[in-house]
Amino acid sequence: MSKPDMKGWTPEQIKAYEEAAAALAAEESAIAEASARQEREAASPEALAEKLREQAAAAREARARAARDAADDAAYRKACKEHGERRVARTRTVEGSVIQRAMTRQEHEEFSDRIAGLESEADILKVARAATLDTVVHPPRPRMLEILERYPRLWVHLYAARDELITGVEEAARGKG
């Protein structure tokens, strides 16, 4: 940076300018040193090894995700084959897909009868959760319980899928679907 023409400046203005210029030069020097240090650290054997470990972990995660997605797809196809495509719902989550089948007419009637006599919201919720969980065909129940423990708001989506399946089955029975 070139020095400006300081004719007509007071000694205080010159001093303030020189202090600011020195502070700027010190900051630029510190930035250059930090950048050089980061480059050295990034090229160190330890940093390169860590980068490779991170890449290997990412590759393992990608492979596991692909295997999980393939298993989810196979479970969905199997459920569609067993229950009919319009009687199966798929809810995608960060943990993979949850595959649900529609309730049978008997299950739906039993569910309705069980909640009809209940007054406590907690009791109704307990029955609704059990009935909904019974419709999950994938993942296996222990895994599903782990997922629900980690993501309790997933229940909302499972209820919605269950209700959508019930509505679809009822409409199909009336000849609308």
N, C-alpha and C. Protein backbone atom coordinates (compact mmCIF):
# COMPACT_ATOMS: atom_id res chain seq x y z
N MET A 1 0.85 -1.17 0.00
CA MET A 1 0.00 0.00 0.00
C MET A 1 0.90 1.23 0.00
N SER A 2 0.61 2.11 -0.92
CA SER A 2 1.44 3.32 -1.00
C SER A 2 0.98 4.34 0.04
N LYS A 3 1.94 5.14 0.45
CA LYS A 3 1.68 6.14 1.48
C LYS A 3 1.00 7.35 0.82
N PRO A 4 -0.06 7.87 1.43
CA PRO A 4 -0.75 9.03 0.84
C PRO A 4 0.07 10.32 1.03
N ASP A 5 -0.30 11.31 0.25
CA ASP A 5 0.32 12.64 0.39
C ASP A 5 -0.19 13.24 1.69
N MET A 6 0.75 13.49 2.62
CA MET A 6 0.35 13.95 3.95
C MET A 6 0.53 15.46 4.13
N LYS A 7 0.67 16.19 3.03
CA LYS A 7 0.80 17.65 3.16
C LYS A 7 -0.48 18.19 3.77
N GLY A 8 -0.33 19.00 4.74
CA GLY A 8 -1.46 19.62 5.40
C GLY A 8 -2.03 18.79 6.54
N TRP A 9 -1.44 17.63 6.81
CA TRP A 9 -1.92 16.80 7.92
C TRP A 9 -1.30 17.30 9.21
N THR A 10 -2.04 17.16 10.28
CA THR A 10 -1.48 17.52 11.59
C THR A 10 -0.64 16.35 12.08
N PRO A 11 0.27 16.62 13.02
CA PRO A 11 1.07 15.51 13.57
C PRO A 11 0.20 14.40 14.18
N GLU A 12 -0.93 14.76 14.77
CA GLU A 12 -1.83 13.75 15.35
C GLU A 12 -2.43 12.87 14.26
N GLN A 13 -2.80 13.47 13.12
CA GLN A 13 -3.37 12.70 12.01
C GLN A 13 -2.34 11.75 11.42
N ILE A 14 -1.10 12.26 11.28
CA ILE A 14 -0.02 11.42 10.75
C ILE A 14 0.23 10.24 11.69
N LYS A 15 0.28 10.53 12.99
CA LYS A 15 0.53 9.48 13.98
C LYS A 15 -0.61 8.44 13.95
N ALA A 16 -1.86 8.90 13.88
CA ALA A 16 -3.01 7.98 13.84
C ALA A 16 -2.95 7.11 12.59
N TYR A 17 -2.58 7.71 11.45
CA TYR A 17 -2.47 6.95 10.20
C TYR A 17 -1.39 5.88 10.33
N GLU A 18 -0.22 6.26 10.83
CA GLU A 18 0.90 5.32 10.94
C GLU A 18 0.57 4.18 11.92
N GLU A 19 -0.14 4.48 13.00
CA GLU A 19 -0.55 3.43 13.95
C GLU A 19 -1.53 2.45 13.29
N ALA A 20 -2.47 3.01 12.53
CA ALA A 20 -3.45 2.15 11.84
C ALA A 20 -2.76 1.29 10.79
N ALA A 21 -1.79 1.88 10.06
CA ALA A 21 -1.05 1.12 9.04
C ALA A 21 -0.24 0.01 9.70
N ALA A 22 0.38 0.29 10.85
CA ALA A 22 1.16 -0.72 11.57
C ALA A 22 0.24 -1.84 12.07
N ALA A 23 -0.94 -1.49 12.57
CA ALA A 23 -1.89 -2.50 13.04
C ALA A 23 -2.35 -3.39 11.89
N LEU A 24 -2.61 -2.78 10.73
CA LEU A 24 -3.00 -3.54 9.55
C LEU A 24 -1.89 -4.49 9.12
N ALA A 25 -0.67 -4.00 9.09
CA ALA A 25 0.47 -4.84 8.71
C ALA A 25 0.63 -6.01 9.67
N ALA A 26 0.44 -5.76 10.97
CA ALA A 26 0.55 -6.83 11.96
C ALA A 26 -0.54 -7.89 11.75
N GLU A 27 -1.76 -7.44 11.45
CA GLU A 27 -2.86 -8.38 11.20
C GLU A 27 -2.59 -9.21 9.95
N GLU A 28 -2.12 -8.55 8.88
CA GLU A 28 -1.82 -9.27 7.65
C GLU A 28 -0.71 -10.30 7.87
N SER A 29 0.27 -9.94 8.68
CA SER A 29 1.36 -10.86 9.01
C SER A 29 0.84 -12.05 9.81
N ALA A 30 -0.03 -11.78 10.77
CA ALA A 30 -0.61 -12.86 11.59
C ALA A 30 -1.45 -13.80 10.73
N ILE A 31 -2.21 -13.24 9.80
CA ILE A 31 -3.02 -14.05 8.90
C ILE A 31 -2.13 -14.92 8.03
N ALA A 32 -1.07 -14.35 7.49
CA ALA A 32 -0.15 -15.11 6.65
C ALA A 32 0.50 -16.24 7.44
N GLU A 33 0.91 -15.96 8.69
CA GLU A 33 1.52 -16.99 9.54
C GLU A 33 0.52 -18.11 9.84
N ALA A 34 -0.72 -17.74 10.15
CA ALA A 34 -1.74 -18.74 10.46
C ALA A 34 -2.04 -19.60 9.24
N SER A 35 -2.10 -18.96 8.08
CA SER A 35 -2.35 -19.70 6.84
C SER A 35 -1.22 -20.68 6.55
N ALA A 36 0.01 -20.23 6.72
CA ALA A 36 1.16 -21.11 6.50
C ALA A 36 1.15 -22.27 7.49
N ARG A 37 0.79 -21.99 8.75
CA ARG A 37 0.73 -23.03 9.78
C ARG A 37 -0.36 -24.05 9.43
N GLN A 38 -1.52 -23.58 8.96
CA GLN A 38 -2.60 -24.49 8.58
C GLN A 38 -2.18 -25.37 7.41
N GLU A 39 -1.48 -24.79 6.45
CA GLU A 39 -1.01 -25.59 5.31
C GLU A 39 -0.03 -26.66 5.77
N ARG A 40 0.87 -26.29 6.68
CA ARG A 40 1.83 -27.28 7.21
C ARG A 40 1.10 -28.39 7.96
N GLU A 41 0.12 -27.99 8.80
CA GLU A 41 -0.63 -28.98 9.59
C GLU A 41 -1.46 -29.89 8.68
N ALA A 42 -2.05 -29.32 7.63
CA ALA A 42 -2.87 -30.12 6.72
C ALA A 42 -2.03 -31.14 5.95
N ALA A 43 -0.77 -30.82 5.74
CA ALA A 43 0.11 -31.73 5.01
C ALA A 43 0.85 -32.69 5.93
N SER A 44 0.62 -32.59 7.23
CA SER A 44 1.33 -33.46 8.17
C SER A 44 0.83 -34.90 8.02
N PRO A 45 1.67 -35.86 8.34
CA PRO A 45 1.25 -37.27 8.25
C PRO A 45 0.00 -37.55 9.10
N GLU A 46 -0.07 -36.93 10.27
CA GLU A 46 -1.23 -37.15 11.14
C GLU A 46 -2.51 -36.65 10.49
N ALA A 47 -2.44 -35.45 9.90
CA ALA A 47 -3.62 -34.87 9.26
C ALA A 47 -4.04 -35.69 8.05
N LEU A 48 -3.06 -36.15 7.27
CA LEU A 48 -3.39 -36.96 6.10
C LEU A 48 -4.01 -38.29 6.53
N ALA A 49 -3.49 -38.89 7.60
CA ALA A 49 -4.06 -40.14 8.10
C ALA A 49 -5.49 -39.91 8.60
N GLU A 50 -5.72 -38.81 9.30
CA GLU A 50 -7.06 -38.49 9.80
C GLU A 50 -8.04 -38.29 8.64
N LYS A 51 -7.57 -37.62 7.60
CA LYS A 51 -8.42 -37.39 6.43
C LYS A 51 -8.80 -38.72 5.79
N LEU A 52 -7.85 -39.65 5.70
CA LEU A 52 -8.14 -40.98 5.14
C LEU A 52 -9.13 -41.74 6.03
N ARG A 53 -8.98 -41.62 7.35
CA ARG A 53 -9.93 -42.28 8.26
C ARG A 53 -11.34 -41.72 8.07
N GLU A 54 -11.43 -40.41 7.91
CA GLU A 54 -12.74 -39.78 7.69
C GLU A 54 -13.36 -40.25 6.38
N GLN A 55 -12.54 -40.35 5.33
CA GLN A 55 -13.04 -40.82 4.05
C GLN A 55 -13.50 -42.27 4.13
N ALA A 56 -12.74 -43.10 4.85
CA ALA A 56 -13.12 -44.50 5.02
C ALA A 56 -14.43 -44.61 5.80
N ALA A 57 -14.58 -43.79 6.83
CA ALA A 57 -15.82 -43.80 7.61
C ALA A 57 -17.00 -43.36 6.74
N ALA A 58 -16.79 -42.35 5.92
CA ALA A 58 -17.86 -41.88 5.03
C ALA A 58 -18.23 -42.97 4.02
N ALA A 59 -17.24 -43.69 3.52
CA ALA A 59 -17.50 -44.78 2.58
C ALA A 59 -18.28 -45.90 3.27
N ARG A 60 -17.91 -46.23 4.52
CA ARG A 60 -18.64 -47.27 5.27
C ARG A 60 -20.10 -46.84 5.48
N GLU A 61 -20.29 -45.57 5.86
CA GLU A 61 -21.64 -45.07 6.07
C GLU A 61 -22.46 -45.12 4.78
N ALA A 62 -21.84 -44.75 3.66
CA ALA A 62 -22.54 -44.78 2.38
C ALA A 62 -22.91 -46.21 2.00
N ARG A 63 -22.00 -47.15 2.24
CA ARG A 63 -22.27 -48.56 1.93
C ARG A 63 -23.40 -49.08 2.82
N ALA A 64 -23.36 -48.74 4.10
CA ALA A 64 -24.41 -49.17 5.03
C ALA A 64 -25.76 -48.57 4.64
N ARG A 65 -25.75 -47.29 4.25
CA ARG A 65 -26.98 -46.62 3.82
C ARG A 65 -27.55 -47.29 2.57
N ALA A 66 -26.67 -47.64 1.62
CA ALA A 66 -27.12 -48.31 0.40
C ALA A 66 -27.70 -49.68 0.71
N ALA A 67 -27.06 -50.42 1.61
CA ALA A 67 -27.57 -51.74 2.01
C ALA A 67 -28.92 -51.60 2.71
N ARG A 68 -29.04 -50.59 3.59
CA ARG A 68 -30.30 -50.36 4.29
C ARG A 68 -31.40 -49.99 3.31
N ASP A 69 -31.07 -49.12 2.34
CA ASP A 69 -32.06 -48.73 1.34
C ASP A 69 -32.51 -49.93 0.51
N ALA A 70 -31.57 -50.81 0.16
CA ALA A 70 -31.91 -52.01 -0.61
C ALA A 70 -32.82 -52.92 0.22
N ALA A 71 -32.52 -53.07 1.51
CA ALA A 71 -33.36 -53.89 2.39
C ALA A 71 -34.75 -53.27 2.53
N ASP A 72 -34.81 -51.94 2.64
CA ASP A 72 -36.10 -51.24 2.73
C ASP A 72 -36.92 -51.47 1.46
N ASP A 73 -36.26 -51.35 0.30
CA ASP A 73 -36.96 -51.56 -0.97
C ASP A 73 -37.49 -52.98 -1.08
N ALA A 74 -36.67 -53.95 -0.67
CA ALA A 74 -37.10 -55.36 -0.71
C ALA A 74 -38.28 -55.59 0.24
N ALA A 75 -38.22 -54.99 1.43
CA ALA A 75 -39.32 -55.14 2.39
C ALA A 75 -40.60 -54.51 1.85
N TYR A 76 -40.47 -53.37 1.18
CA TYR A 76 -41.64 -52.71 0.61
C TYR A 76 -42.26 -53.58 -0.49
N ARG A 77 -41.41 -54.11 -1.38
CA ARG A 77 -41.93 -54.97 -2.45
C ARG A 77 -42.62 -56.21 -1.87
N LYS A 78 -42.01 -56.80 -0.85
CA LYS A 78 -42.58 -57.99 -0.21
C LYS A 78 -43.93 -57.65 0.42
N ALA A 79 -44.01 -56.53 1.12
CA ALA A 79 -45.27 -56.12 1.75
C ALA A 79 -46.35 -55.86 0.71
N CYS A 80 -45.97 -55.23 -0.39
CA CYS A 80 -46.93 -54.97 -1.47
C CYS A 80 -47.44 -56.28 -2.05
N LYS A 81 -46.56 -57.23 -2.20
CA LYS A 81 -46.93 -58.54 -2.74
C LYS A 81 -47.88 -59.27 -1.78
N GLU A 82 -47.59 -59.19 -0.47
CA GLU A 82 -48.39 -59.89 0.53
C GLU A 82 -49.74 -59.21 0.80
N HIS A 83 -49.75 -57.88 0.86
CA HIS A 83 -50.94 -57.15 1.30
C HIS A 83 -51.63 -56.36 0.20
N GLY A 84 -50.97 -56.19 -0.93
CA GLY A 84 -51.52 -55.35 -1.99
C GLY A 84 -50.91 -53.96 -1.92
N GLU A 85 -50.56 -53.43 -3.08
CA GLU A 85 -49.84 -52.16 -3.12
C GLU A 85 -50.61 -51.01 -2.47
N ARG A 86 -51.93 -51.01 -2.61
CA ARG A 86 -52.73 -49.92 -2.05
C ARG A 86 -52.98 -50.09 -0.55
N ARG A 87 -52.49 -51.19 0.00
CA ARG A 87 -52.70 -51.45 1.43
C ARG A 87 -51.38 -51.39 2.19
N VAL A 88 -50.38 -50.74 1.58
CA VAL A 88 -49.06 -50.63 2.20
C VAL A 88 -48.62 -49.17 2.15
N ALA A 89 -48.05 -48.69 3.25
CA ALA A 89 -47.53 -47.32 3.32
C ALA A 89 -46.04 -47.37 3.64
N ARG A 90 -45.34 -46.39 3.12
CA ARG A 90 -43.89 -46.29 3.37
C ARG A 90 -43.62 -44.90 3.90
N THR A 91 -43.02 -44.84 5.09
CA THR A 91 -42.64 -43.57 5.70
C THR A 91 -41.13 -43.53 5.75
N ARG A 92 -40.54 -42.57 5.05
CA ARG A 92 -39.08 -42.47 5.01
C ARG A 92 -38.58 -41.66 6.21
N THR A 93 -37.50 -42.16 6.82
CA THR A 93 -36.90 -41.48 7.96
C THR A 93 -35.39 -41.45 7.76
N VAL A 94 -34.70 -40.75 8.64
CA VAL A 94 -33.24 -40.73 8.57
C VAL A 94 -32.66 -42.09 8.90
N GLU A 95 -33.45 -42.94 9.54
CA GLU A 95 -33.00 -44.28 9.91
C GLU A 95 -33.40 -45.32 8.88
N GLY A 96 -34.01 -44.89 7.79
CA GLY A 96 -34.50 -45.82 6.77
C GLY A 96 -36.01 -45.70 6.65
N SER A 97 -36.61 -46.64 5.94
CA SER A 97 -38.05 -46.61 5.72
C SER A 97 -38.79 -47.45 6.75
N VAL A 98 -39.97 -46.97 7.10
CA VAL A 98 -40.89 -47.75 7.93
C VAL A 98 -42.00 -48.20 6.99
N ILE A 99 -42.22 -49.50 6.92
CA ILE A 99 -43.24 -50.06 6.04
C ILE A 99 -44.40 -50.53 6.92
N GLN A 100 -45.60 -50.03 6.61
CA GLN A 100 -46.80 -50.41 7.36
C GLN A 100 -47.81 -51.04 6.42
N ARG A 101 -48.56 -51.97 6.96
CA ARG A 101 -49.68 -52.55 6.22
C ARG A 101 -50.97 -51.96 6.79
N ALA A 102 -52.03 -52.09 6.03
CA ALA A 102 -53.33 -51.62 6.53
C ALA A 102 -53.82 -52.57 7.61
N MET A 103 -54.61 -52.03 8.52
CA MET A 103 -55.25 -52.88 9.53
C MET A 103 -56.29 -53.74 8.83
N THR A 104 -56.48 -54.93 9.32
CA THR A 104 -57.59 -55.75 8.82
C THR A 104 -58.87 -55.16 9.39
N ARG A 105 -59.99 -55.54 8.80
CA ARG A 105 -61.28 -55.04 9.31
C ARG A 105 -61.44 -55.43 10.78
N GLN A 106 -61.06 -56.67 11.11
CA GLN A 106 -61.19 -57.13 12.49
C GLN A 106 -60.29 -56.31 13.42
N GLU A 107 -59.04 -56.05 12.99
CA GLU A 107 -58.14 -55.23 13.81
C GLU A 107 -58.70 -53.83 14.02
N HIS A 108 -59.28 -53.28 12.96
CA HIS A 108 -59.85 -51.93 13.06
C HIS A 108 -61.04 -51.91 14.01
N GLU A 109 -61.89 -52.92 13.92
CA GLU A 109 -63.04 -52.99 14.82
C GLU A 109 -62.59 -53.17 16.27
N GLU A 110 -61.60 -54.04 16.49
CA GLU A 110 -61.08 -54.26 17.84
C GLU A 110 -60.46 -52.97 18.39
N PHE A 111 -59.72 -52.27 17.53
CA PHE A 111 -59.10 -51.00 17.93
C PHE A 111 -60.19 -49.99 18.32
N SER A 112 -61.21 -49.88 17.49
CA SER A 112 -62.31 -48.94 17.77
C SER A 112 -63.02 -49.30 19.06
N ASP A 113 -63.26 -50.60 19.26
CA ASP A 113 -63.92 -51.05 20.50
C ASP A 113 -63.06 -50.74 21.72
N ARG A 114 -61.76 -50.96 21.61
CA ARG A 114 -60.86 -50.75 22.75
C ARG A 114 -60.80 -49.28 23.15
N ILE A 115 -60.77 -48.37 22.18
CA ILE A 115 -60.68 -46.95 22.55
C ILE A 115 -62.03 -46.35 22.91
N ALA A 116 -63.12 -47.02 22.50
CA ALA A 116 -64.46 -46.48 22.78
C ALA A 116 -64.72 -46.37 24.28
N GLY A 117 -64.23 -47.30 25.04
CA GLY A 117 -64.49 -47.28 26.47
C GLY A 117 -63.47 -46.50 27.29
N LEU A 118 -62.51 -45.91 26.64
CA LEU A 118 -61.44 -45.21 27.36
C LEU A 118 -61.72 -43.71 27.46
N GLU A 119 -61.39 -43.14 28.60
CA GLU A 119 -61.57 -41.70 28.78
C GLU A 119 -60.24 -40.97 28.86
N SER A 120 -59.26 -41.61 29.42
CA SER A 120 -57.95 -40.98 29.60
C SER A 120 -57.21 -40.90 28.26
N GLU A 121 -56.72 -39.70 27.95
CA GLU A 121 -55.95 -39.54 26.71
C GLU A 121 -54.73 -40.43 26.69
N ALA A 122 -54.12 -40.62 27.85
CA ALA A 122 -52.93 -41.47 27.94
C ALA A 122 -53.28 -42.91 27.59
N ASP A 123 -54.44 -43.38 28.04
CA ASP A 123 -54.87 -44.75 27.72
C ASP A 123 -55.18 -44.89 26.24
N ILE A 124 -55.85 -43.90 25.69
CA ILE A 124 -56.18 -43.91 24.25
C ILE A 124 -54.89 -43.92 23.43
N LEU A 125 -53.94 -43.09 23.84
CA LEU A 125 -52.66 -43.02 23.14
C LEU A 125 -51.92 -44.35 23.21
N LYS A 126 -51.98 -44.98 24.36
CA LYS A 126 -51.31 -46.28 24.54
C LYS A 126 -51.90 -47.32 23.58
N VAL A 127 -53.22 -47.37 23.48
CA VAL A 127 -53.89 -48.31 22.59
C VAL A 127 -53.59 -47.97 21.13
N ALA A 128 -53.60 -46.68 20.80
CA ALA A 128 -53.32 -46.25 19.42
C ALA A 128 -51.89 -46.61 19.03
N ARG A 129 -50.96 -46.42 19.94
CA ARG A 129 -49.57 -46.77 19.64
C ARG A 129 -49.41 -48.26 19.44
N ALA A 130 -50.03 -49.05 20.29
CA ALA A 130 -49.92 -50.51 20.15
C ALA A 130 -50.53 -50.96 18.82
N ALA A 131 -51.70 -50.42 18.48
CA ALA A 131 -52.36 -50.80 17.22
C ALA A 131 -51.53 -50.37 16.02
N THR A 132 -50.95 -49.19 16.10
CA THR A 132 -50.12 -48.69 15.00
C THR A 132 -48.86 -49.52 14.87
N LEU A 133 -48.24 -49.83 15.99
CA LEU A 133 -47.01 -50.63 15.97
C LEU A 133 -47.28 -52.02 15.39
N ASP A 134 -48.48 -52.55 15.62
CA ASP A 134 -48.83 -53.86 15.06
C ASP A 134 -48.91 -53.84 13.54
N THR A 135 -49.07 -52.66 12.94
CA THR A 135 -49.16 -52.59 11.48
C THR A 135 -47.79 -52.45 10.82
N VAL A 136 -46.74 -52.24 11.61
CA VAL A 136 -45.40 -52.07 11.04
C VAL A 136 -44.84 -53.44 10.66
N VAL A 137 -44.51 -53.60 9.37
CA VAL A 137 -43.92 -54.86 8.91
C VAL A 137 -42.41 -54.76 8.73
N HIS A 138 -41.90 -53.55 8.68
CA HIS A 138 -40.45 -53.33 8.55
C HIS A 138 -40.13 -51.95 9.10
N PRO A 139 -39.12 -51.79 9.91
CA PRO A 139 -38.12 -52.75 10.37
C PRO A 139 -38.70 -53.65 11.47
N PRO A 140 -37.94 -54.65 11.87
CA PRO A 140 -38.41 -55.53 12.94
C PRO A 140 -38.72 -54.71 14.20
N ARG A 141 -39.61 -55.23 15.01
CA ARG A 141 -40.10 -54.49 16.19
C ARG A 141 -38.98 -53.95 17.09
N PRO A 142 -37.95 -54.75 17.47
CA PRO A 142 -36.92 -54.17 18.35
C PRO A 142 -36.25 -52.94 17.73
N ARG A 143 -35.96 -53.02 16.44
CA ARG A 143 -35.34 -51.88 15.74
C ARG A 143 -36.32 -50.71 15.69
N MET A 144 -37.60 -51.01 15.43
CA MET A 144 -38.61 -49.96 15.36
C MET A 144 -38.73 -49.24 16.69
N LEU A 145 -38.68 -49.98 17.78
CA LEU A 145 -38.76 -49.36 19.11
C LEU A 145 -37.56 -48.46 19.38
N GLU A 146 -36.38 -48.88 18.92
CA GLU A 146 -35.18 -48.04 19.05
C GLU A 146 -35.37 -46.73 18.29
N ILE A 147 -35.87 -46.83 17.07
CA ILE A 147 -36.07 -45.64 16.23
C ILE A 147 -37.09 -44.70 16.89
N LEU A 148 -38.18 -45.27 17.37
CA LEU A 148 -39.22 -44.44 18.01
C LEU A 148 -38.72 -43.80 19.30
N GLU A 149 -37.84 -44.48 19.99
CA GLU A 149 -37.27 -43.88 21.20
C GLU A 149 -36.39 -42.68 20.84
N ARG A 150 -35.66 -42.82 19.74
CA ARG A 150 -34.78 -41.74 19.30
C ARG A 150 -35.56 -40.60 18.65
N TYR A 151 -36.64 -40.94 17.95
CA TYR A 151 -37.43 -39.94 17.22
C TYR A 151 -38.91 -40.07 17.59
N PRO A 152 -39.29 -39.63 18.77
CA PRO A 152 -40.68 -39.81 19.22
C PRO A 152 -41.72 -39.10 18.34
N ARG A 153 -41.33 -38.06 17.65
CA ARG A 153 -42.29 -37.37 16.78
C ARG A 153 -42.64 -38.17 15.53
N LEU A 154 -41.93 -39.26 15.31
CA LEU A 154 -42.24 -40.14 14.18
C LEU A 154 -43.63 -40.75 14.32
N TRP A 155 -44.12 -40.86 15.57
CA TRP A 155 -45.46 -41.39 15.78
C TRP A 155 -46.49 -40.63 14.94
N VAL A 156 -46.35 -39.32 14.86
CA VAL A 156 -47.31 -38.50 14.11
C VAL A 156 -47.40 -38.99 12.66
N HIS A 157 -46.26 -39.27 12.05
CA HIS A 157 -46.24 -39.72 10.66
C HIS A 157 -46.78 -41.15 10.53
N LEU A 158 -46.50 -41.97 11.52
CA LEU A 158 -47.02 -43.35 11.48
C LEU A 158 -48.54 -43.35 11.63
N TYR A 159 -49.07 -42.49 12.51
CA TYR A 159 -50.53 -42.39 12.65
C TYR A 159 -51.15 -41.92 11.34
N ALA A 160 -50.53 -40.92 10.72
CA ALA A 160 -51.06 -40.38 9.47
C ALA A 160 -51.08 -41.46 8.39
N ALA A 161 -50.00 -42.23 8.29
CA ALA A 161 -49.93 -43.30 7.30
C ALA A 161 -50.99 -44.36 7.60
N ARG A 162 -51.14 -44.71 8.88
CA ARG A 162 -52.15 -45.70 9.28
C ARG A 162 -53.54 -45.21 8.90
N ASP A 163 -53.84 -43.94 9.21
CA ASP A 163 -55.16 -43.39 8.92
C ASP A 163 -55.41 -43.31 7.41
N GLU A 164 -54.38 -42.98 6.66
CA GLU A 164 -54.51 -42.92 5.21
C GLU A 164 -54.82 -44.31 4.64
N LEU A 165 -54.16 -45.32 5.17
CA LEU A 165 -54.44 -46.69 4.73
C LEU A 165 -55.87 -47.09 5.09
N ILE A 166 -56.31 -46.74 6.30
CA ILE A 166 -57.68 -47.07 6.71
C ILE A 166 -58.68 -46.41 5.78
N THR A 167 -58.47 -45.13 5.47
CA THR A 167 -59.36 -44.40 4.58
C THR A 167 -59.38 -45.04 3.20
N GLY A 168 -58.20 -45.41 2.70
CA GLY A 168 -58.12 -46.04 1.38
C GLY A 168 -58.85 -47.37 1.34
N VAL A 169 -58.72 -48.16 2.37
CA VAL A 169 -59.40 -49.46 2.44
C VAL A 169 -60.91 -49.26 2.51
N GLU A 170 -61.35 -48.30 3.32
CA GLU A 170 -62.79 -48.03 3.44
C GLU A 170 -63.37 -47.55 2.12
N GLU A 171 -62.65 -46.67 1.42
CA GLU A 171 -63.12 -46.18 0.13
C GLU A 171 -63.16 -47.30 -0.90
N ALA A 172 -62.15 -48.16 -0.88
CA ALA A 172 -62.13 -49.29 -1.81
C ALA A 172 -63.31 -50.22 -1.54
N ALA A 173 -63.64 -50.41 -0.27
CA ALA A 173 -64.77 -51.28 0.09
C ALA A 173 -66.09 -50.68 -0.39
N ARG A 174 -66.18 -49.34 -0.41
CA ARG A 174 -67.40 -48.68 -0.89
C ARG A 174 -67.40 -48.52 -2.40
N GLY A 175 -66.31 -48.92 -3.05
CA GLY A 175 -66.24 -48.84 -4.50
C GLY A 175 -65.72 -47.52 -5.04
N LYS A 176 -65.15 -46.66 -4.18
CA LYS A 176 -64.65 -45.37 -4.62
C LYS A 176 -63.19 -45.44 -5.06
N GLY A 177 -62.44 -46.43 -4.58
CA GLY A 177 -61.00 -46.45 -4.82
C GLY A 177 -60.55 -47.32 -5.91
